[in-house]
Amino acid sequence: MVLGLLLLLDGLKNETQFFDLIGLGTNATMLVPAVISLGIPAVLALGPLQVRPSEQNISFPREGLAVVLIVIYMLYVLFLLTQVSRVADLRSEHGPPSMKLRAASGPMAVTTIGIIFMSELLVGAVEPVAEQWGLFDLFIGAMLVPLVGYIAEHIVAVQTAY
């Protein structure tokens, strides 16, 4: 929803849009394991009742896939940080970095942990409201939580696109 709004506003203002093909290819490649990891449990759950795996049998592959996705994401971030040409472009555009990578990793880790706790609080606050209003879990997980959880980022992205 937000991406569609971004593309619409940018197209209205700038008419022609340009995309970084390397970044687009990398993001598309990263999307493939995510789609597969979501598809495997869904396909297994659709099987006949006689051969459908139990929740205990499917939790190990699901958790294993989550670990694999986290490792792939960490490798992707490392790849982005080590790309010489992109780092050189950013430095020429914004000047030298104000913090070393090791010094920046600590606050970033603390912030990530804080976001995890805040997300849990958000989901805990949304569940009673969702039950009261009769909202489906899919709508809550796919639309409501991401929209509310990242509202500040969405607003900044829309303003930047415009």
Protein backbone atom coordinates (compact mmCIF):
# COMPACT_ATOMS: atom_id res chain seq x y z
CA MET A 1 0.00 0.00 0.00
CA VAL A 2 2.75 2.43 0.95
CA LEU A 3 4.92 1.40 -2.01
CA GLY A 4 2.02 2.07 -4.37
CA LEU A 5 1.51 5.51 -2.85
CA LEU A 6 5.24 6.23 -3.14
CA LEU A 7 5.35 5.24 -6.80
CA LEU A 8 2.21 7.24 -7.58
CA LEU A 9 3.46 10.44 -5.92
CA ASP A 10 6.93 10.12 -7.41
CA GLY A 11 5.45 9.49 -10.86
CA LEU A 12 3.14 12.48 -10.59
CA LYS A 13 5.95 14.79 -9.55
CA ASN A 14 8.90 13.50 -11.61
CA GLU A 15 7.11 11.68 -14.47
CA THR A 16 10.05 9.36 -15.23
CA GLN A 17 11.20 6.97 -12.50
CA PHE A 18 14.61 5.31 -12.31
CA PHE A 19 15.55 2.24 -10.31
CA ASP A 20 18.89 0.83 -9.22
CA LEU A 21 19.03 -2.46 -11.14
CA ILE A 22 21.69 -3.98 -8.87
CA GLY A 23 19.66 -3.21 -5.76
CA LEU A 24 16.48 -4.40 -7.43
CA GLY A 25 18.10 -7.70 -8.43
CA THR A 26 19.54 -8.20 -4.95
CA ASN A 27 16.21 -7.52 -3.26
CA ALA A 28 14.38 -9.84 -5.66
CA THR A 29 16.93 -12.56 -4.98
CA MET A 30 16.48 -12.09 -1.22
CA LEU A 31 12.71 -12.36 -1.64
CA VAL A 32 12.90 -15.88 -3.10
CA PRO A 33 14.00 -17.67 0.12
CA ALA A 34 11.45 -15.67 2.12
CA VAL A 35 8.61 -16.74 -0.18
CA ILE A 36 9.80 -20.35 -0.13
CA SER A 37 10.08 -20.35 3.67
CA LEU A 38 6.51 -19.07 3.96
CA GLY A 39 5.24 -21.44 1.30
CA ILE A 40 6.61 -24.69 2.71
CA PRO A 41 4.60 -24.66 5.99
CA ALA A 42 1.51 -23.46 4.10
CA VAL A 43 1.74 -26.29 1.58
CA LEU A 44 2.30 -28.85 4.34
CA ALA A 45 -0.72 -27.54 6.24
CA LEU A 46 -2.94 -27.97 3.17
CA GLY A 47 -2.26 -31.71 2.89
CA PRO A 48 -4.82 -34.40 3.76
CA LEU A 49 -5.47 -34.88 7.47
CA GLN A 50 -3.96 -38.39 7.42
CA VAL A 51 -0.54 -37.16 6.27
CA ARG A 52 -0.62 -33.59 7.58
CA PRO A 53 2.26 -33.02 10.01
CA SER A 54 1.51 -31.97 13.56
CA GLU A 55 2.42 -28.56 14.96
CA GLN A 56 5.42 -30.10 16.74
CA ASN A 57 6.71 -31.71 13.52
CA ILE A 58 6.45 -28.50 11.53
CA SER A 59 7.89 -26.14 14.17
CA PHE A 60 11.48 -27.34 13.72
CA PRO A 61 11.63 -26.68 9.94
CA ARG A 62 9.85 -23.36 10.45
CA GLU A 63 12.34 -22.26 13.11
CA GLY A 64 15.24 -23.54 11.00
CA LEU A 65 14.04 -21.51 8.03
CA ALA A 66 13.78 -18.44 10.25
CA VAL A 67 17.42 -18.88 11.31
CA VAL A 68 18.46 -19.30 7.67
CA LEU A 69 16.61 -16.10 6.71
CA ILE A 70 18.29 -14.17 9.54
CA VAL A 71 21.72 -15.41 8.42
CA ILE A 72 20.96 -14.47 4.80
CA TYR A 73 19.88 -11.00 5.92
CA MET A 74 23.04 -10.54 7.99
CA LEU A 75 25.16 -11.58 5.01
CA TYR A 76 23.23 -9.11 2.85
CA VAL A 77 23.95 -6.26 5.28
CA LEU A 78 27.61 -7.27 5.34
CA PHE A 79 27.59 -7.30 1.53
CA LEU A 80 26.13 -3.79 1.45
CA LEU A 81 28.69 -2.52 3.95
CA THR A 82 31.61 -3.95 1.99
CA GLN A 83 30.63 -2.75 -1.47
CA VAL A 84 33.49 -0.42 -2.34
CA SER A 85 31.79 1.56 -5.10
CA ARG A 86 28.61 2.26 -3.12
CA VAL A 87 30.53 3.20 0.00
CA ALA A 88 32.72 5.55 -2.07
CA ASP A 89 29.61 7.14 -3.61
CA LEU A 90 28.06 7.68 -0.18
CA ARG A 91 31.26 9.16 1.20
CA SER A 92 31.58 11.60 -1.67
CA GLU A 93 27.93 12.55 -1.21
CA HIS A 94 27.80 12.82 2.59
CA GLY A 95 31.42 13.10 3.71
CA PRO A 96 33.34 10.65 5.89
CA PRO A 97 31.41 8.59 8.44
CA SER A 98 31.07 10.16 11.87
CA MET A 99 31.28 6.78 13.66
CA LYS A 100 33.34 3.66 13.18
CA LEU A 101 31.48 0.44 12.38
CA ARG A 102 32.23 -1.11 15.78
CA ALA A 103 31.07 2.01 17.64
CA ALA A 104 27.85 2.13 15.62
CA SER A 105 27.09 -1.59 16.09
CA GLY A 106 26.41 -1.24 19.83
CA PRO A 107 23.68 1.41 19.61
CA MET A 108 22.22 -0.39 16.61
CA ALA A 109 21.99 -3.66 18.55
CA VAL A 110 20.41 -1.92 21.55
CA THR A 111 17.92 -0.17 19.26
CA THR A 112 17.05 -3.47 17.55
CA ILE A 113 16.38 -5.13 20.90
CA GLY A 114 14.24 -2.15 21.92
CA ILE A 115 12.23 -2.45 18.71
CA ILE A 116 11.65 -6.15 19.42
CA PHE A 117 10.19 -5.33 22.84
CA MET A 118 8.08 -2.49 21.45
CA SER A 119 6.75 -4.79 18.73
CA GLU A 120 5.71 -7.31 21.36
CA LEU A 121 3.92 -4.55 23.27
CA LEU A 122 2.17 -3.43 20.08
CA VAL A 123 0.99 -6.95 19.25
CA GLY A 124 -0.17 -7.44 22.85
CA ALA A 125 -2.18 -4.22 22.69
CA VAL A 126 -3.67 -5.01 19.27
CA GLU A 127 -4.90 -8.53 20.12
CA PRO A 128 -7.77 -7.51 22.46
CA VAL A 129 -8.92 -4.78 20.08
CA ALA A 130 -8.82 -7.20 17.14
CA GLU A 131 -10.91 -9.73 19.05
CA GLN A 132 -13.42 -7.03 19.99
CA TRP A 133 -13.75 -5.80 16.40
CA GLY A 134 -13.68 -9.29 14.87
CA LEU A 135 -10.59 -8.71 12.70
CA PHE A 136 -8.90 -11.68 11.03
CA ASP A 137 -5.36 -12.66 12.05
CA LEU A 138 -4.19 -12.32 8.44
CA PHE A 139 -5.41 -8.72 8.26
CA ILE A 140 -3.76 -7.89 11.57
CA GLY A 141 -0.43 -9.50 10.64
CA ALA A 142 -0.25 -8.38 7.03
CA MET A 143 -1.79 -4.89 7.19
CA LEU A 144 -2.44 -3.44 10.62
CA VAL A 145 0.75 -4.24 12.55
CA PRO A 146 3.15 -3.27 9.72
CA LEU A 147 1.20 -0.09 8.98
CA VAL A 148 1.03 1.04 12.60
CA GLY A 149 4.48 -0.26 13.54
CA TYR A 150 6.26 1.64 10.78
CA ILE A 151 4.01 4.69 10.45
CA ALA A 152 6.86 7.17 10.98
CA GLU A 153 8.97 5.53 8.26
CA HIS A 154 5.97 5.45 5.91
CA ILE A 155 5.27 9.15 6.39
CA VAL A 156 8.92 10.10 5.80
CA ALA A 157 9.06 7.88 2.70
CA VAL A 158 5.91 9.47 1.27
CA GLN A 159 7.22 12.97 1.97
CA THR A 160 10.56 12.09 0.37
CA ALA A 161 8.89 10.60 -2.70
CA TYR A 162 6.82 13.74 -3.14
